[in-house]
PDB file of N, CA and C in Angstrom:
ATOM      1  N   MET A   1      95.820 -17.937  77.380  1.00  0.00           N
ATOM      2  CA  MET A   1      96.770 -18.537  76.235  1.00  0.00           C
ATOM      3  C   MET A   1      97.454 -19.675  76.288  1.00  0.00           C
ATOM      4  N   THR A   2      97.205 -20.415  77.340  1.00  0.00           N
ATOM      5  CA  THR A   2      97.655 -21.290  77.256  1.00  0.00           C
ATOM      6  C   THR A   2      96.389 -22.329  77.471  1.00  0.00           C
ATOM      7  N   ALA A   3      95.372 -21.625  76.923  1.00  0.00           N
ATOM      8  CA  ALA A   3      93.921 -23.192  75.679  1.00  0.00           C
ATOM      9  C   ALA A   3      94.309 -23.099  74.362  1.00  0.00           C
ATOM     10  N   ILE A   4      95.121 -21.405  74.393  1.00  0.00           N
ATOM     11  CA  ILE A   4      95.580 -21.589  72.784  1.00  0.00           C
ATOM     12  C   ILE A   4      96.385 -22.081  72.422  1.00  0.00           C
ATOM     13  N   THR A   5      97.884 -22.405  73.375  1.00  0.00           N
ATOM     14  CA  THR A   5      98.545 -23.325  73.071  1.00  0.00           C
ATOM     15  C   THR A   5      98.575 -25.102  72.753  1.00  0.00           C
ATOM     16  N   MET A   6      97.640 -25.236  74.067  1.00  0.00           N
ATOM     17  CA  MET A   6      97.759 -26.310  74.098  1.00  0.00           C
ATOM     18  C   MET A   6      96.498 -27.231  72.519  1.00  0.00           C
ATOM     19  N   THR A   7      95.135 -25.779  71.855  1.00  0.00           N
ATOM     20  CA  THR A   7      94.863 -26.683  71.298  1.00  0.00           C
ATOM     21  C   THR A   7      95.457 -26.072  69.781  1.00  0.00           C
ATOM     22  N   THR A   8      96.767 -25.534  69.648  1.00  0.00           N
ATOM     23  CA  THR A   8      97.235 -25.735  68.645  1.00  0.00           C
ATOM     24  C   THR A   8      97.506 -26.913  68.574  1.00  0.00           C
ATOM     25  N   ALA A   9      98.246 -27.130  69.824  1.00  0.00           N
ATOM     26  CA  ALA A   9      99.397 -28.193  69.228  1.00  0.00           C
ATOM     27  C   ALA A   9      98.480 -29.884  69.127  1.00  0.00           C
ATOM     28  N   LEU A  10      97.233 -29.730  70.366  1.00  0.00           N
ATOM     29  CA  LEU A  10      96.716 -31.121  70.075  1.00  0.00           C
ATOM     30  C   LEU A  10      95.841 -30.591  68.165  1.00  0.00           C
ATOM     31  N   THR A  11      96.308 -30.155  67.513  1.00  0.00           N
ATOM     32  CA  THR A  11      95.707 -29.736  66.223  1.00  0.00           C
ATOM     33  C   THR A  11      96.375 -30.500  65.603  1.00  0.00           C
ATOM     34  N   ARG A  12      98.122 -30.696  65.692  1.00  0.00           N
ATOM     35  CA  ARG A  12      98.177 -32.060  65.308  1.00  0.00           C
ATOM     36  C   ARG A  12      98.134 -33.098  64.970  1.00  0.00           C
ATOM     37  N   THR A  13      97.020 -33.422  66.204  1.00  0.00           N
ATOM     38  CA  THR A  13      96.777 -34.784  66.298  1.00  0.00           C
ATOM     39  C   THR A  13      95.562 -35.021  65.462  1.00  0.00           C
ATOM     40  N   ALA A  14      95.152 -36.453  66.329  1.00  0.00           N
ATOM     41  CA  ALA A  14      93.943 -37.166  65.330  1.00  0.00           C
ATOM     42  C   ALA A  14      92.660 -35.952  65.340  1.00  0.00           C
ATOM     43  N   ALA A  15      91.259 -36.579  64.994  1.00  0.00           N
ATOM     44  CA  ALA A  15      90.572 -35.427  64.518  1.00  0.00           C
ATOM     45  C   ALA A  15      89.859 -35.339  65.540  1.00  0.00           C
ATOM     46  N   PRO A  16      88.943 -37.020  65.863  1.00  0.00           N
ATOM     47  CA  PRO A  16      88.922 -37.401  67.221  1.00  0.00           C
ATOM     48  C   PRO A  16      89.320 -35.946  68.648  1.00  0.00           C
ATOM     49  N   THR A  17      90.678 -36.491  68.631  1.00  0.00           N
ATOM     50  CA  THR A  17      91.056 -35.197  69.261  1.00  0.00           C
ATOM     51  C   THR A  17      90.966 -33.922  69.695  1.00  0.00           C
ATOM     52  N   THR A  18      90.401 -33.620  68.241  1.00  0.00           N
ATOM     53  CA  THR A  18      89.958 -32.210  68.389  1.00  0.00           C
ATOM     54  C   THR A  18      88.618 -31.930  68.135  1.00  0.00           C
ATOM     55  N   ALA A  19      88.862 -32.858  68.745  1.00  0.00           N
ATOM     56  CA  ALA A  19      86.682 -32.801  68.786  1.00  0.00           C
ATOM     57  C   ALA A  19      86.378 -33.210  69.897  1.00  0.00           C
ATOM     58  N   LEU A  20      87.163 -33.632  70.599  1.00  0.00           N
ATOM     59  CA  LEU A  20      87.585 -33.257  72.147  1.00  0.00           C
ATOM     60  C   LEU A  20      87.499 -32.621  72.674  1.00  0.00           C
ATOM     61  N   VAL A  21      88.846 -31.813  72.174  1.00  0.00           N
ATOM     62  CA  VAL A  21      89.001 -30.370  73.191  1.00  0.00           C
ATOM     63  C   VAL A  21      88.127 -29.752  71.852  1.00  0.00           C
ATOM     64  N   THR A  22      87.722 -29.676  71.438  1.00  0.00           N
ATOM     65  CA  THR A  22      86.067 -28.615  71.007  1.00  0.00           C
ATOM     66  C   THR A  22      84.576 -28.534  72.162  1.00  0.00           C
ATOM     67  N   ALA A  23      84.543 -29.895  72.182  1.00  0.00           N
ATOM     68  CA  ALA A  23      83.007 -30.677  73.043  1.00  0.00           C
ATOM     69  C   ALA A  23      84.123 -30.112  74.326  1.00  0.00           C
ATOM     70  N   THR A  24      85.325 -30.187  74.936  1.00  0.00           N
ATOM     71  CA  THR A  24      85.395 -29.549  76.271  1.00  0.00           C
ATOM     72  C   THR A  24      85.620 -28.415  76.311  1.00  0.00           C
ATOM     73  N   ARG A  25      85.922 -27.494  75.853  1.00  0.00           N
ATOM     74  CA  ARG A  25      85.804 -26.043  75.474  1.00  0.00           C
ATOM     75  C   ARG A  25      84.224 -25.187  75.306  1.00  0.00           C
ATOM     76  N   PHE A  26      83.905 -26.124  74.355  1.00  0.00           N
ATOM     77  CA  PHE A  26      82.623 -24.966  74.671  1.00  0.00           C
ATOM     78  C   PHE A  26      81.413 -26.037  76.065  1.00  0.00           C
ATOM     79  N   LEU A  27      81.837 -26.968  76.342  1.00  0.00           N
ATOM     80  CA  LEU A  27      81.303 -27.976  77.928  1.00  0.00           C
ATOM     81  C   LEU A  27      81.768 -26.663  78.733  1.00  0.00           C
ATOM     82  N   GLY A  28      82.975 -25.947  78.732  1.00  0.00           N
ATOM     83  CA  GLY A  28      83.723 -25.507  79.554  1.00  0.00           C
ATOM     84  C   GLY A  28      83.540 -23.759  79.478  1.00  0.00           C
ATOM     85  N   HIS A  29      82.947 -23.205  78.277  1.00  0.00           N
ATOM     86  CA  HIS A  29      82.409 -21.688  78.053  1.00  0.00           C
ATOM     87  C   HIS A  29      80.305 -21.747  78.236  1.00  0.00           C
ATOM     88  N   PHE A  30      80.411 -23.343  78.570  1.00  0.00           N
ATOM     89  CA  PHE A  30      78.971 -23.416  78.678  1.00  0.00           C
ATOM     90  C   PHE A  30      78.557 -23.179  80.333  1.00  0.00           C
ATOM     91  N   LEU A  31      78.904 -23.928  81.099  1.00  0.00           N
ATOM     92  CA  LEU A  31      79.236 -24.329  82.747  1.00  0.00           C
ATOM     93  C   LEU A  31      79.456 -22.525  82.816  1.00  0.00           C
ATOM     94  N   ALA A  32      81.022 -21.977  82.285  1.00  0.00           N
ATOM     95  CA  ALA A  32      80.891 -20.549  82.416  1.00  0.00           C
ATOM     96  C   ALA A  32      79.867 -19.724  82.583  1.00  0.00           C
ATOM     97  N   ALA A  33      79.187 -19.186  81.958  1.00  0.00           N
ATOM     98  CA  ALA A  33      78.389 -18.813  81.425  1.00  0.00           C
ATOM     99  C   ALA A  33      76.621 -19.487  82.315  1.00  0.00           C
ATOM    100  N   LEU A  34      76.537 -20.567  82.032  1.00  0.00           N
ATOM    101  CA  LEU A  34      75.404 -20.627  83.407  1.00  0.00           C
ATOM    102  C   LEU A  34      75.701 -20.170  84.441  1.00  0.00           C
ATOM    103  N   VAL A  35      76.903 -20.320  85.328  1.00  0.00           N
ATOM    104  CA  VAL A  35      77.115 -19.848  86.434  1.00  0.00           C
ATOM    105  C   VAL A  35      77.147 -18.295  87.098  1.00  0.00           C
ATOM    106  N   GLY A  36      77.833 -17.702  86.371  1.00  0.00           N
ATOM    107  CA  GLY A  36      77.513 -16.539  85.561  1.00  0.00           C
ATOM    108  C   GLY A  36      76.320 -15.846  85.731  1.00  0.00           C
ATOM    109  N   VAL A  37      75.492 -16.524  84.760  1.00  0.00           N
ATOM    110  CA  VAL A  37      74.076 -16.126  85.223  1.00  0.00           C
ATOM    111  C   VAL A  37      73.480 -16.173  86.044  1.00  0.00           C
ATOM    112  N   ILE A  38      73.726 -17.288  86.804  1.00  0.00           N
ATOM    113  CA  ILE A  38      72.856 -17.384  87.939  1.00  0.00           C
ATOM    114  C   ILE A  38      73.621 -16.950  88.952  1.00  0.00           C
ATOM    115  N   PHE A  39      74.504 -16.355  88.973  1.00  0.00           N
ATOM    116  CA  PHE A  39      75.646 -15.406  90.013  1.00  0.00           C
ATOM    117  C   PHE A  39      74.933 -13.552  90.046  1.00  0.00           C
ATOM    118  N   LEU A  40      74.433 -13.714  88.637  1.00  0.00           N
ATOM    119  CA  LEU A  40      73.987 -12.409  88.796  1.00  0.00           C
ATOM    120  C   LEU A  40      72.917 -12.222  88.929  1.00  0.00           C
ATOM    121  N   GLY A  41      72.066 -13.378  88.400  1.00  0.00           N
ATOM    122  CA  GLY A  41      71.033 -13.686  88.843  1.00  0.00           C
ATOM    123  C   GLY A  41      70.615 -13.265  90.665  1.00  0.00           C
ATOM    124  N   ARG A  42      71.351 -13.781  90.830  1.00  0.00           N
ATOM    125  CA  ARG A  42      71.160 -14.276  92.764  1.00  0.00           C
ATOM    126  C   ARG A  42      71.359 -12.821  93.044  1.00  0.00           C
ATOM    127  N   GLY A  43      72.480 -11.782  92.621  1.00  0.00           N
ATOM    128  CA  GLY A  43      72.763 -10.328  92.913  1.00  0.00           C
ATOM    129  C   GLY A  43      72.152  -9.574  92.679  1.00  0.00           C
ATOM    130  N   MET A  44      71.052  -9.332  91.520  1.00  0.00           N
ATOM    131  CA  MET A  44      70.271  -9.056  91.554  1.00  0.00           C
ATOM    132  C   MET A  44      69.018  -9.020  91.651  1.00  0.00           C
ATOM    133  N   GLU A  45      68.927 -10.181  92.460  1.00  0.00           N
ATOM    134  CA  GLU A  45      67.847 -10.034  93.537  1.00  0.00           C
ATOM    135  C   GLU A  45      67.746  -9.438  95.104  1.00  0.00           C
ATOM    136  N   HIS A  46      68.523  -9.621  95.462  1.00  0.00           N
ATOM    137  CA  HIS A  46      69.409  -8.693  96.496  1.00  0.00           C
ATOM    138  C   HIS A  46      69.721  -7.485  96.336  1.00  0.00           C
TER     139      HIS A  46
END
């Protein structure tokens, strides 16, 4: 919920800031997915 509120607040600012927030969120989700795949992969091996 906090991320959504922050994104909504930052949307009112300049476009480059919004793009940066979008890129940061994308990178965060990508890293989370990567860690999830690695974690599940290691769990499957054992």
